[in-house]
Amino acid sequence: MKLRNQIIAYMQGDAFDAFLNDAGDLHFSTQRIDPFNDKTGVNNTDFPKLNGIQTNDKNRLSASIKKEPIELLKYIVKNDVPYTDILTANYTVVNGIMADKLDAIVAPQPFTNSSDDKEFRKATLPESRRGGLREHAGVLSTHAWLASFPTTSGNRNRTRIHYLLRQFMAQEVFDLGTPFPNDNAGENPTVNNNNCNSCHRVMDPMAAGFQNFNEANRWRPNLVNNKYTALPIDYTRNTKYYISGDNWFRDAWLPGYGSGSNPPMSSPNPMPGDFAGNDSALQWLALTLTNSSKFSLGAVHFWYKGITGREALKSDPSGDKLKNDAYTMQSVEFNNIAKTFALERYKVRNLLADLMMSEWLSLNVKDPAKSIDWSGVGHLTMLTPSQLNQKLLKTVGMKWSAFDNPYSGDGRSWGGGFDANNVLERPQEYTLEQHSVINQLALASSCNITRTDFNKPQNQRLLFPLISFTPQTDNMIKQNIVHLHKALWGEVIDVNNSEVTRTFNLFKTTLDSKYGANKTTNCAYADANDPQYIGRAWSVVIAYMLTDYKFLYVNNN
């Protein structure tokens, strides 16, 4: 318990904030949306203050809207609010520019500085056309989440349910039946064709939870027969199914939760209002889902991926015993963590501590001789651009500017093409392109990193606290190399370790041959300021250590 409390106590500050940003970004992919898109962006009718918005405010508002679901996630985690609010919160969070342009009602805590776009506060949004407040249901009702997982008049919110179940309920829709069966003949196959409805009987009743948000992400924008609805206009003109006053499709499963029966397209847990609709349909669905035990397990899966970048294991359909034994071992542990999570009122930091202490991540395995597939065990994962920058700031005192934007240029290349748009999964395997990017960045930066550190007072240096910028004895050089191995690789070793010998030989060879960083890059050192080649030799060591997997994969800081 003492160790657990200590781990929880560490979950604060800029590094933890960056971790939460990465986790939300990985799952929600909201950087890919355009909040001012003509078809799916925020609408001037819904938010009148958007009329005539100036370019600077427009850019600020666009960036802020993209962050809304992630900032709500951070608010819940950092304030130990029950994680159920991620779906059920009847509020959102806004910053100053959002509060102004969206007429948000900020309460109970006002802004310290409304001009600081990083400061988000709890708030609600008004419904300008009907009066009162807009329907809130955690991240699900935020414009960014809705836009990131869009729908169409034909899709009918199925994509949204697919991602809701994947992100929050540890459930994959396509595991329910045959994905996209070829046999879709007949009228209304999603209801009448058993090859189709094995998935749709589960998915479609829940899809009605999004009934108040249309494909343009607007809340009930269409006025039909004196009633506001999100139904497509072309459907409301289809007299075969539409009945005046409806807010959901009558040729679909009855709104609700649970696997429907056919006939009569019913649900074991019907949604109040059925086809006529429910002003709080999404809030009802959110409350229903969070009352399921699958929600706690979904949280474990969500945060496991947030830590490792990996999905939780699935059973192997080919029957591979080692893989299935690994799946069983992980499932047992994750289910136990999920039960504790629910008992402790859904505090995410408690869950994160339990994951870090688990057999699956800590490698503190009770039965190490057990025969399973060990490939997914442990916290080893390729760091993201933002994670690498956090590590660089702490270990060498500066970051790589090329990683400031993980969605373009070198940031996206290092992420394996991850752009939160066309490529939504971050890679787990090292590629030639990534090797090229990281070598280029390390070579281009290592001289500057080395010189900047040597220019500090010796007692303030991160990399070279044990030596001066003059010829040193072999033992002093090795002592500083021991320090570098701990600082950059997390290795606690002594001067006689073979790894120290390897690094020392690299330093000496570079120093003696006077061949190194300045031959391949624009080095901050030259003969004028490094006549004895000491700086350039250390620069080669730094480049070597920053490109090793122990730095790139292990987040030991």
Protein backbone atom coordinates (compact mmCIF):
# COMPACT_ATOMS: atom_id res chain seq x y z
CA MET A 1 0.00 0.00 0.00
CA LYS A 2 2.91 2.35 0.75
CA LEU A 3 4.37 1.84 -2.73
CA ARG A 4 0.95 2.32 -4.32
CA ASN A 5 0.43 5.61 -2.48
CA GLN A 6 3.88 6.79 -3.53
CA ILE A 7 3.16 6.01 -7.20
CA ILE A 8 -0.13 7.91 -6.95
CA ALA A 9 1.68 10.87 -5.36
CA TYR A 10 3.98 11.08 -8.39
CA MET A 11 0.97 11.59 -10.70
CA GLN A 12 1.07 15.35 -10.94
CA GLY A 13 2.96 18.14 -12.67
CA ASP A 14 3.87 18.72 -16.30
CA ALA A 15 4.99 15.15 -17.05
CA PHE A 16 1.69 13.66 -15.83
CA ASP A 17 -0.22 16.33 -17.72
CA ALA A 18 1.68 15.38 -20.90
CA PHE A 19 0.88 11.70 -20.31
CA LEU A 20 -2.84 12.47 -20.03
CA ASN A 21 -2.65 14.55 -23.21
CA ASP A 22 -1.05 11.64 -25.05
CA ALA A 23 -3.60 9.12 -23.75
CA GLY A 24 -6.55 11.29 -24.76
CA ASP A 25 -4.99 12.09 -28.10
CA LEU A 26 -4.32 8.44 -28.85
CA HIS A 27 -7.92 7.41 -28.19
CA PHE A 28 -9.90 10.43 -29.37
CA SER A 29 -7.80 11.59 -32.36
CA THR A 30 -9.39 15.02 -32.23
CA GLN A 31 -6.47 16.82 -33.88
CA ARG A 32 -7.80 15.57 -37.20
CA ILE A 33 -11.03 17.55 -37.10
CA ASP A 34 -11.74 21.00 -38.51
CA PRO A 35 -14.05 22.80 -36.06
CA PHE A 36 -14.92 25.36 -38.75
CA ASN A 37 -15.61 22.93 -41.56
CA ASP A 38 -18.56 24.17 -43.62
CA LYS A 39 -20.48 20.91 -43.22
CA THR A 40 -19.53 19.54 -39.79
CA GLY A 41 -18.07 22.51 -37.91
CA VAL A 42 -19.59 24.61 -35.15
CA ASN A 43 -22.60 26.46 -36.48
CA ASN A 44 -23.32 30.18 -36.31
CA THR A 45 -27.03 29.55 -35.72
CA ASP A 46 -26.23 27.49 -32.64
CA PHE A 47 -23.54 29.93 -31.44
CA PRO A 48 -24.38 33.45 -32.71
CA LYS A 49 -21.14 35.01 -31.46
CA LEU A 50 -19.29 33.10 -34.20
CA ASN A 51 -20.65 35.58 -36.74
CA GLY A 52 -17.80 37.82 -37.83
CA ILE A 53 -15.22 36.07 -35.67
CA GLN A 54 -11.71 37.40 -36.32
CA THR A 55 -8.92 35.15 -37.62
CA ASN A 56 -6.89 35.13 -34.41
CA ASP A 57 -9.91 34.24 -32.27
CA LYS A 58 -10.98 31.66 -34.84
CA ASN A 59 -7.60 29.93 -34.65
CA ARG A 60 -7.63 30.00 -30.85
CA LEU A 61 -11.18 28.65 -30.72
CA SER A 62 -10.41 25.91 -33.24
CA ALA A 63 -7.41 24.68 -31.22
CA SER A 64 -9.44 24.83 -28.01
CA ILE A 65 -12.42 22.88 -29.35
CA LYS A 66 -10.06 20.11 -30.46
CA LYS A 67 -8.77 19.85 -26.89
CA GLU A 68 -12.18 19.84 -25.16
CA PRO A 69 -12.63 16.06 -24.67
CA ILE A 70 -8.99 15.64 -23.65
CA GLU A 71 -9.23 18.51 -21.17
CA LEU A 72 -12.41 16.98 -19.74
CA LEU A 73 -10.52 13.70 -19.33
CA LYS A 74 -7.71 15.57 -17.54
CA TYR A 75 -10.17 17.39 -15.28
CA ILE A 76 -11.70 14.09 -14.19
CA VAL A 77 -8.36 12.37 -13.55
CA LYS A 78 -6.51 15.21 -11.83
CA ASN A 79 -9.44 16.04 -9.52
CA ASP A 80 -10.17 12.41 -8.64
CA VAL A 81 -13.68 12.79 -10.05
CA PRO A 82 -15.27 9.36 -10.59
CA TYR A 83 -14.31 8.15 -14.06
CA THR A 84 -17.96 7.46 -14.81
CA ASP A 85 -18.13 11.20 -15.58
CA ILE A 86 -16.18 10.54 -18.76
CA LEU A 87 -19.56 9.42 -20.14
CA THR A 88 -22.14 10.77 -17.72
CA ALA A 89 -20.93 14.29 -16.89
CA ASN A 90 -23.77 16.78 -17.36
CA TYR A 91 -21.10 19.42 -17.97
CA THR A 92 -18.01 20.03 -20.06
CA VAL A 93 -14.86 22.15 -19.68
CA VAL A 94 -14.03 25.35 -21.56
CA ASN A 95 -11.29 27.95 -21.65
CA GLY A 96 -11.73 31.71 -21.99
CA ILE A 97 -12.12 31.86 -25.76
CA MET A 98 -14.66 29.01 -25.71
CA ALA A 99 -16.59 30.58 -22.87
CA ASP A 100 -16.82 33.83 -24.81
CA LYS A 101 -17.66 32.61 -28.30
CA LEU A 102 -19.90 29.70 -27.24
CA ASP A 103 -21.65 31.65 -24.45
CA ALA A 104 -20.68 28.96 -21.95
CA ILE A 105 -21.87 29.19 -18.36
CA VAL A 106 -18.71 28.77 -16.27
CA ALA A 107 -19.34 27.50 -12.73
CA PRO A 108 -18.50 27.04 -9.96
CA GLN A 109 -14.89 28.27 -10.36
CA PRO A 110 -14.23 31.37 -12.49
CA PHE A 111 -11.14 31.84 -14.64
CA THR A 112 -7.92 33.07 -13.10
CA ASN A 113 -6.91 34.38 -16.52
CA SER A 114 -9.48 34.05 -19.30
CA SER A 115 -6.78 34.92 -21.86
CA ASP A 116 -4.79 31.80 -20.96
CA ASP A 117 -5.99 29.16 -23.43
CA LYS A 118 -4.48 26.40 -21.26
CA GLU A 119 -6.83 27.20 -18.38
CA PHE A 120 -10.02 25.14 -18.62
CA ARG A 121 -12.96 25.37 -16.24
CA LYS A 122 -16.11 23.33 -15.64
CA ALA A 123 -19.04 24.72 -17.64
CA THR A 124 -22.28 24.06 -19.49
CA LEU A 125 -23.34 25.18 -22.96
CA PRO A 126 -26.67 26.84 -23.81
CA GLU A 127 -29.13 25.65 -26.43
CA SER A 128 -29.78 28.87 -28.30
CA ARG A 129 -32.72 27.75 -30.47
CA ARG A 130 -34.85 26.07 -27.81
CA GLY A 131 -33.56 27.72 -24.67
CA GLY A 132 -32.10 26.00 -21.65
CA LEU A 133 -28.94 23.90 -21.74
CA ARG A 134 -27.52 21.67 -24.41
CA GLU A 135 -27.48 17.92 -23.72
CA HIS A 136 -24.18 16.95 -22.06
CA ALA A 137 -22.83 13.41 -21.71
CA GLY A 138 -19.13 13.59 -20.89
CA VAL A 139 -16.80 13.45 -23.88
CA LEU A 140 -19.52 11.92 -26.07
CA SER A 141 -21.37 15.20 -26.49
CA THR A 142 -18.30 17.33 -27.19
CA HIS A 143 -18.09 18.65 -30.72
CA ALA A 144 -14.56 17.26 -31.15
CA TRP A 145 -15.46 13.67 -30.20
CA LEU A 146 -18.56 13.70 -32.39
CA ALA A 147 -16.60 15.14 -35.33
CA SER A 148 -13.72 12.71 -34.86
CA PHE A 149 -16.13 9.77 -35.12
CA PRO A 150 -18.65 11.05 -37.67
CA THR A 151 -21.93 9.65 -38.89
CA THR A 152 -24.07 9.90 -42.00
CA SER A 153 -27.76 9.54 -42.70
CA GLY A 154 -27.08 5.94 -43.73
CA ASN A 155 -24.60 5.12 -40.97
CA ARG A 156 -27.05 6.24 -38.27
CA ASN A 157 -24.45 6.69 -35.49
CA ARG A 158 -23.08 3.16 -35.78
CA THR A 159 -19.51 4.43 -36.10
CA ARG A 160 -19.99 6.37 -32.87
CA ILE A 161 -21.24 3.29 -31.05
CA HIS A 162 -18.37 1.24 -32.48
CA TYR A 163 -15.81 3.63 -30.97
CA LEU A 164 -17.76 4.18 -27.76
CA LEU A 165 -17.76 0.43 -27.09
CA ARG A 166 -14.09 0.08 -28.06
CA GLN A 167 -12.89 3.02 -25.94
CA PHE A 168 -15.02 2.62 -22.85
CA MET A 169 -16.56 -0.87 -22.69
CA ALA A 170 -13.73 -3.23 -23.73
CA GLN A 171 -15.96 -4.48 -26.52
CA GLU A 172 -15.31 -4.79 -30.24
CA VAL A 173 -18.47 -4.69 -32.36
CA PHE A 174 -16.97 -6.89 -35.06
CA ASP A 175 -16.43 -9.66 -32.53
CA LEU A 176 -20.21 -10.03 -32.31
CA GLY A 177 -20.58 -11.56 -35.76
CA THR A 178 -19.27 -11.69 -39.32
CA PRO A 179 -17.99 -8.24 -40.33
CA PHE A 180 -19.63 -6.91 -43.49
CA PRO A 181 -21.29 -10.15 -44.65
CA ASN A 182 -21.83 -10.47 -48.39
CA ASP A 183 -25.35 -11.79 -47.93
CA ASN A 184 -27.19 -8.50 -47.37
CA ALA A 185 -30.10 -9.14 -49.69
CA GLY A 186 -33.68 -8.37 -48.75
CA GLU A 187 -35.49 -5.41 -47.34
CA ASN A 188 -33.94 -3.82 -44.27
CA PRO A 189 -31.16 -6.44 -43.80
CA THR A 190 -29.86 -4.91 -40.57
CA VAL A 191 -33.08 -6.13 -38.96
CA ASN A 192 -34.28 -9.02 -41.11
CA ASN A 193 -31.06 -10.72 -42.24
CA ASN A 194 -29.49 -12.87 -39.51
CA ASN A 195 -26.04 -12.50 -41.05
CA CYS A 196 -26.31 -8.77 -40.48
CA ASN A 197 -28.31 -8.43 -37.32
CA SER A 198 -25.93 -10.47 -35.16
CA CYS A 199 -24.06 -7.16 -34.82
CA HIS A 200 -26.86 -4.71 -35.46
CA ARG A 201 -29.23 -6.07 -32.82
CA VAL A 202 -26.62 -5.03 -30.23
CA MET A 203 -25.25 -1.91 -31.88
CA ASP A 204 -28.34 -0.22 -33.34
CA PRO A 205 -30.47 0.11 -30.17
CA MET A 206 -27.55 1.95 -28.55
CA ALA A 207 -26.96 4.08 -31.65
CA ALA A 208 -30.24 5.78 -30.80
CA GLY A 209 -28.43 7.27 -27.82
CA PHE A 210 -26.93 9.76 -30.29
CA GLN A 211 -30.35 10.50 -31.77
CA ASN A 212 -30.18 14.21 -30.89
CA PHE A 213 -26.93 14.83 -32.80
CA ASN A 214 -27.03 14.84 -36.58
CA GLU A 215 -24.29 14.18 -39.14
CA ALA A 216 -23.23 17.86 -38.89
CA ASN A 217 -22.73 17.36 -35.11
CA ARG A 218 -25.58 19.76 -34.34
CA TRP A 219 -28.16 19.20 -31.62
CA ARG A 220 -31.64 18.69 -33.16
CA PRO A 221 -31.20 21.28 -35.93
CA ASN A 222 -34.20 20.42 -38.14
CA LEU A 223 -37.69 21.77 -37.44
CA VAL A 224 -40.22 19.23 -38.76
CA ASN A 225 -43.91 19.54 -37.94
CA ASN A 226 -43.15 22.01 -35.13
CA LYS A 227 -40.63 19.66 -33.49
CA TYR A 228 -36.86 19.94 -33.52
CA THR A 229 -35.20 16.69 -34.59
CA ALA A 230 -31.85 15.35 -35.78
CA LEU A 231 -33.46 12.96 -38.25
CA PRO A 232 -32.35 13.53 -41.87
CA ILE A 233 -34.87 15.55 -43.87
CA ASP A 234 -34.98 12.88 -46.58
CA TYR A 235 -36.06 10.29 -43.99
CA THR A 236 -38.82 12.48 -42.54
CA ARG A 237 -40.28 12.70 -46.05
CA ASN A 238 -40.43 8.92 -46.29
CA THR A 239 -44.05 8.36 -45.29
CA LYS A 240 -43.57 4.58 -45.23
CA TYR A 241 -41.70 4.74 -41.90
CA TYR A 242 -41.74 8.26 -40.52
CA ILE A 243 -44.54 9.30 -38.17
CA SER A 244 -44.95 12.93 -37.21
CA GLY A 245 -43.16 13.62 -33.93
CA ASP A 246 -40.55 10.85 -34.35
CA ASN A 247 -36.93 11.40 -33.37
CA TRP A 248 -35.54 8.00 -34.39
CA PHE A 249 -35.78 5.61 -37.34
CA ARG A 250 -38.78 3.26 -37.23
CA ASP A 251 -37.10 0.85 -39.63
CA ALA A 252 -34.44 0.19 -36.98
CA TRP A 253 -34.22 -1.62 -33.66
CA LEU A 254 -36.11 -0.04 -30.79
CA PRO A 255 -33.80 2.34 -28.86
CA GLY A 256 -32.30 0.73 -25.79
CA TYR A 257 -29.45 -1.33 -24.39
CA GLY A 258 -28.83 -5.02 -24.82
CA SER A 259 -29.26 -7.50 -27.62
CA GLY A 260 -32.61 -6.96 -29.26
CA SER A 261 -35.03 -9.72 -30.21
CA ASN A 262 -36.57 -10.00 -33.65
CA PRO A 263 -39.51 -9.71 -33.91
CA PRO A 264 -40.61 -7.24 -32.58
CA MET A 265 -37.24 -5.39 -32.73
CA SER A 266 -37.40 -4.91 -28.99
CA SER A 267 -34.66 -4.34 -26.42
CA PRO A 268 -34.28 -5.89 -22.96
CA ASN A 269 -33.62 -2.40 -21.58
CA PRO A 270 -35.67 0.03 -23.70
CA MET A 271 -34.85 3.72 -23.81
CA PRO A 272 -37.60 6.05 -22.53
CA GLY A 273 -39.42 7.69 -25.42
CA ASP A 274 -38.75 4.87 -27.93
CA PHE A 275 -39.04 6.19 -31.52
CA ALA A 276 -40.61 9.48 -30.43
CA GLY A 277 -37.32 10.41 -28.83
CA ASN A 278 -35.73 11.51 -25.61
CA ASP A 279 -34.12 14.90 -24.94
CA SER A 280 -31.55 13.15 -22.73
CA ALA A 281 -31.02 10.02 -24.82
CA LEU A 282 -27.22 10.21 -24.70
CA GLN A 283 -27.20 10.83 -20.96
CA TRP A 284 -29.51 7.82 -20.51
CA LEU A 285 -27.21 5.63 -22.58
CA ALA A 286 -24.14 6.85 -20.68
CA LEU A 287 -25.72 6.10 -17.30
CA THR A 288 -26.80 2.67 -18.51
CA LEU A 289 -23.32 1.81 -19.79
CA THR A 290 -21.50 2.95 -16.66
CA ASN A 291 -23.74 0.69 -14.57
CA SER A 292 -22.34 -2.29 -16.46
CA SER A 293 -19.30 -4.19 -15.17
CA LYS A 294 -17.87 -3.87 -18.68
CA PHE A 295 -17.30 -0.17 -18.03
CA SER A 296 -14.69 -0.84 -15.32
CA LEU A 297 -12.89 -3.31 -17.56
CA GLY A 298 -13.11 -0.79 -20.40
CA ALA A 299 -11.28 1.71 -18.19
CA VAL A 300 -8.49 -0.81 -17.58
CA HIS A 301 -8.14 -1.40 -21.33
CA PHE A 302 -8.24 2.37 -22.05
CA TRP A 303 -5.44 3.21 -19.62
CA TYR A 304 -3.37 0.12 -20.42
CA LYS A 305 -3.25 1.36 -24.01
CA GLY A 306 -2.54 4.86 -22.73
CA ILE A 307 0.52 3.57 -20.88
CA THR A 308 1.87 1.08 -23.42
CA GLY A 309 0.33 2.06 -26.74
CA ARG A 310 -0.85 -1.55 -27.03
CA GLU A 311 -4.34 -3.00 -27.12
CA ALA A 312 -5.30 -5.53 -24.46
CA LEU A 313 -4.80 -9.11 -25.63
CA LYS A 314 -7.49 -11.14 -27.34
CA SER A 315 -7.89 -14.88 -27.48
CA ASP A 316 -6.13 -16.43 -30.44
CA PRO A 317 -8.64 -17.87 -32.95
CA SER A 318 -6.04 -20.33 -34.28
CA GLY A 319 -5.80 -21.93 -30.83
CA ASP A 320 -2.17 -21.00 -30.11
CA LYS A 321 -1.79 -22.23 -26.51
CA LEU A 322 0.97 -19.81 -25.48
CA LYS A 323 -0.99 -16.82 -26.77
CA ASN A 324 -4.24 -17.99 -25.22
CA ASP A 325 -2.53 -18.63 -21.88
CA ALA A 326 -1.13 -15.08 -22.02
CA TYR A 327 -4.61 -13.75 -22.79
CA THR A 328 -6.06 -15.68 -19.84
CA MET A 329 -3.34 -14.46 -17.48
CA GLN A 330 -3.85 -10.85 -18.55
CA SER A 331 -7.65 -11.13 -18.42
CA VAL A 332 -7.65 -12.46 -14.86
CA GLU A 333 -5.40 -9.65 -13.67
CA PHE A 334 -7.24 -6.94 -15.58
CA ASN A 335 -10.61 -8.12 -14.25
CA ASN A 336 -9.28 -7.97 -10.69
CA ILE A 337 -7.97 -4.45 -11.26
CA ALA A 338 -11.36 -3.48 -12.72
CA LYS A 339 -13.18 -4.73 -9.61
CA THR A 340 -10.89 -2.73 -7.32
CA PHE A 341 -11.38 0.32 -9.56
CA ALA A 342 -15.15 0.14 -9.13
CA LEU A 343 -14.92 -0.44 -5.37
CA GLU A 344 -12.69 2.63 -4.99
CA ARG A 345 -15.17 4.94 -6.72
CA TYR A 346 -13.52 4.95 -10.12
CA LYS A 347 -10.40 6.96 -9.28
CA VAL A 348 -8.14 6.82 -12.33
CA ARG A 349 -4.88 7.46 -10.50
CA ASN A 350 -5.56 4.41 -8.32
CA LEU A 351 -6.17 2.38 -11.47
CA LEU A 352 -2.93 3.62 -13.06
CA ALA A 353 -0.97 2.67 -9.94
CA ASP A 354 -2.50 -0.81 -9.96
CA LEU A 355 -1.60 -1.25 -13.62
CA MET A 356 1.99 -0.16 -12.99
CA MET A 357 2.28 -2.60 -10.07
CA SER A 358 0.58 -5.44 -11.92
CA GLU A 359 2.35 -8.59 -13.00
CA TRP A 360 1.67 -7.61 -16.56
CA LEU A 361 3.55 -4.32 -16.49
CA SER A 362 5.98 -4.52 -13.57
CA LEU A 363 7.44 -7.93 -14.56
CA ASN A 364 7.08 -8.90 -10.90
CA VAL A 365 5.65 -12.21 -12.06
CA LYS A 366 4.58 -14.67 -9.39
CA ASP A 367 5.27 -17.65 -11.63
CA PRO A 368 8.03 -16.67 -14.10
CA ALA A 369 8.33 -20.25 -15.29
CA LYS A 370 4.75 -20.23 -16.56
CA SER A 371 4.55 -21.06 -20.25
CA ILE A 372 2.89 -18.13 -22.00
CA ASP A 373 3.66 -15.78 -24.86
CA TRP A 374 5.74 -13.14 -23.07
CA SER A 375 5.97 -10.75 -26.03
CA GLY A 376 3.35 -8.35 -24.64
CA VAL A 377 4.51 -8.36 -21.02
CA GLY A 378 6.16 -5.30 -19.51
CA HIS A 379 6.02 -1.55 -20.03
CA LEU A 380 8.55 -1.49 -22.89
CA THR A 381 7.06 0.56 -25.72
CA MET A 382 8.34 2.93 -28.35
CA LEU A 383 7.96 6.43 -26.98
CA THR A 384 5.84 8.93 -28.85
CA PRO A 385 7.29 12.25 -30.09
CA SER A 386 5.79 14.13 -27.14
CA GLN A 387 7.02 11.48 -24.68
CA LEU A 388 10.51 11.70 -26.15
CA ASN A 389 10.46 15.47 -25.80
CA GLN A 390 9.43 15.15 -22.16
CA LYS A 391 12.27 12.70 -21.59
CA LEU A 392 14.77 14.90 -23.43
CA LEU A 393 13.80 17.96 -21.37
CA LYS A 394 14.40 16.07 -18.15
CA THR A 395 17.57 14.23 -19.17
CA VAL A 396 19.45 16.62 -21.45
CA GLY A 397 17.70 19.92 -20.79
CA MET A 398 16.28 20.53 -24.25
CA LYS A 399 13.90 18.96 -26.73
CA TRP A 400 13.80 18.32 -30.46
CA SER A 401 11.73 21.04 -32.11
CA ALA A 402 10.90 18.63 -34.96
CA PHE A 403 8.77 16.72 -32.43
CA ASP A 404 6.73 19.75 -31.36
CA ASN A 405 4.02 18.68 -33.82
CA PRO A 406 3.54 14.88 -33.79
CA TYR A 407 1.17 15.09 -36.78
CA SER A 408 3.57 16.37 -39.42
CA GLY A 409 7.15 16.12 -40.64
CA ASP A 410 9.59 14.25 -38.45
CA GLY A 411 7.03 13.95 -35.68
CA ARG A 412 4.69 11.96 -37.87
CA SER A 413 7.55 9.95 -39.40
CA TRP A 414 8.77 8.93 -35.97
CA GLY A 415 5.20 8.02 -35.05
CA GLY A 416 5.12 5.52 -37.90
CA GLY A 417 2.86 7.77 -39.94
CA PHE A 418 0.49 8.40 -37.02
CA ASP A 419 -1.46 11.53 -37.85
CA ALA A 420 -4.69 10.98 -35.89
CA ASN A 421 -6.42 10.94 -39.26
CA ASN A 422 -5.45 8.30 -41.79
CA VAL A 423 -3.22 6.40 -39.34
CA LEU A 424 -4.84 6.11 -35.91
CA GLU A 425 -2.59 3.51 -34.26
CA ARG A 426 0.89 4.29 -33.06
CA PRO A 427 3.53 1.71 -34.05
CA GLN A 428 5.22 -0.76 -31.75
CA GLU A 429 8.02 -1.79 -34.08
CA TYR A 430 11.04 0.19 -35.21
CA THR A 431 11.17 1.01 -38.94
CA LEU A 432 13.95 2.16 -41.26
CA GLU A 433 12.29 5.58 -41.61
CA GLN A 434 12.19 6.03 -37.85
CA HIS A 435 15.83 4.96 -37.63
CA SER A 436 16.73 7.62 -40.19
CA VAL A 437 14.71 10.34 -38.44
CA ILE A 438 16.13 9.68 -34.99
CA ASN A 439 19.72 9.45 -36.26
CA GLN A 440 19.32 12.75 -38.09
CA LEU A 441 17.90 14.49 -35.04
CA ALA A 442 20.49 13.05 -32.66
CA LEU A 443 23.42 13.96 -34.91
CA ALA A 444 22.08 17.45 -35.50
CA SER A 445 21.49 18.06 -31.79
CA SER A 446 24.19 16.17 -29.92
CA CYS A 447 26.89 18.86 -30.27
CA ASN A 448 24.52 21.57 -29.06
CA ILE A 449 23.30 19.40 -26.19
CA THR A 450 26.86 18.68 -25.13
CA ARG A 451 28.06 22.27 -25.40
CA THR A 452 25.01 23.67 -23.57
CA ASP A 453 25.57 21.28 -20.67
CA PHE A 454 29.31 21.96 -20.44
CA ASN A 455 28.60 25.70 -20.41
CA LYS A 456 26.63 25.36 -17.17
CA PRO A 457 28.28 25.45 -13.75
CA GLN A 458 29.51 21.95 -13.03
CA ASN A 459 27.10 21.41 -10.13
CA GLN A 460 24.12 22.25 -12.40
CA ARG A 461 24.94 19.93 -15.28
CA LEU A 462 22.63 17.09 -16.22
CA LEU A 463 25.13 15.15 -18.33
CA PHE A 464 28.66 16.04 -17.24
CA PRO A 465 28.65 16.79 -13.51
CA LEU A 466 31.79 14.75 -12.76
CA ILE A 467 34.27 16.17 -15.28
CA SER A 468 35.55 19.45 -16.68
CA PHE A 469 36.18 20.49 -20.28
CA THR A 470 39.83 19.49 -20.15
CA PRO A 471 41.69 16.19 -20.54
CA GLN A 472 40.61 13.80 -17.76
CA THR A 473 41.86 10.52 -16.39
CA ASP A 474 40.32 7.32 -17.74
CA ASN A 475 38.70 6.66 -14.38
CA MET A 476 37.04 10.11 -14.27
CA ILE A 477 35.76 9.61 -17.80
CA LYS A 478 34.34 6.21 -16.86
CA GLN A 479 32.71 7.62 -13.73
CA ASN A 480 30.87 10.17 -15.84
CA ILE A 481 29.90 7.45 -18.31
CA VAL A 482 28.37 5.55 -15.38
CA HIS A 483 26.37 8.70 -14.64
CA LEU A 484 25.23 8.92 -18.30
CA HIS A 485 24.07 5.31 -18.31
CA LYS A 486 21.87 6.03 -15.31
CA ALA A 487 20.66 9.42 -16.53
CA LEU A 488 19.83 8.37 -20.10
CA TRP A 489 19.24 4.62 -19.92
CA GLY A 490 18.20 4.10 -16.32
CA GLU A 491 21.03 1.64 -15.77
CA VAL A 492 22.69 1.40 -12.36
CA ILE A 493 26.11 -0.11 -13.16
CA ASP A 494 29.75 0.33 -12.12
CA VAL A 495 32.89 1.26 -14.05
CA ASN A 496 33.77 -2.39 -14.65
CA ASN A 497 30.55 -3.15 -16.53
CA SER A 498 30.98 -4.16 -20.17
CA GLU A 499 28.52 -1.45 -21.26
CA VAL A 500 30.71 1.21 -19.67
CA THR A 501 33.71 -0.27 -21.46
CA ARG A 502 31.83 -0.12 -24.77
CA THR A 503 30.89 3.55 -24.29
CA PHE A 504 34.39 4.42 -23.07
CA ASN A 505 35.96 2.81 -26.15
CA LEU A 506 33.65 4.86 -28.39
CA PHE A 507 34.74 8.04 -26.62
CA LYS A 508 38.45 7.20 -26.81
CA THR A 509 38.32 6.08 -30.43
CA THR A 510 36.56 9.29 -31.46
CA LEU A 511 38.94 11.43 -29.41
CA ASP A 512 42.08 9.73 -30.73
CA SER A 513 41.01 9.56 -34.39
CA LYS A 514 39.40 13.02 -34.37
CA TYR A 515 36.55 11.65 -36.45
CA GLY A 516 33.04 12.33 -35.30
CA ALA A 517 30.03 14.58 -35.30
CA ASN A 518 31.55 17.48 -37.23
CA LYS A 519 32.12 15.17 -40.20
CA THR A 520 28.40 14.52 -40.64
CA THR A 521 26.55 17.51 -39.22
CA ASN A 522 26.84 21.20 -38.45
CA CYS A 523 28.47 20.84 -35.03
CA ALA A 524 28.45 23.52 -32.33
CA TYR A 525 32.07 22.61 -31.75
CA ALA A 526 35.01 23.33 -34.06
CA ASP A 527 38.78 23.55 -33.72
CA ALA A 528 38.48 27.11 -32.44
CA ASN A 529 36.33 26.24 -29.41
CA ASP A 530 37.25 22.54 -29.08
CA PRO A 531 40.96 22.29 -29.94
CA GLN A 532 41.47 19.03 -28.06
CA TYR A 533 38.33 17.43 -29.56
CA ILE A 534 36.84 16.70 -26.13
CA GLY A 535 33.45 18.25 -26.89
CA ARG A 536 33.09 16.44 -30.19
CA ALA A 537 34.04 13.10 -28.65
CA TRP A 538 31.39 13.51 -25.95
CA SER A 539 28.91 14.58 -28.64
CA VAL A 540 29.38 11.25 -30.39
CA VAL A 541 28.72 9.46 -27.09
CA ILE A 542 25.53 11.48 -26.57
CA ALA A 543 24.34 10.75 -30.13
CA TYR A 544 25.03 7.03 -29.56
CA MET A 545 23.09 6.94 -26.30
CA LEU A 546 20.12 8.95 -27.59
CA THR A 547 19.63 6.59 -30.55
CA ASP A 548 19.73 3.39 -28.51
CA TYR A 549 16.49 1.50 -27.83
CA LYS A 550 17.07 1.92 -24.09
CA PHE A 551 16.43 5.63 -24.55
CA LEU A 552 13.82 5.43 -27.31
CA TYR A 553 11.67 2.67 -25.82
CA VAL A 554 12.02 2.77 -22.06
CA ASN A 555 10.32 5.60 -20.20
CA ASN A 556 12.51 5.37 -17.12
CA ASN A 557 12.15 8.99 -16.16
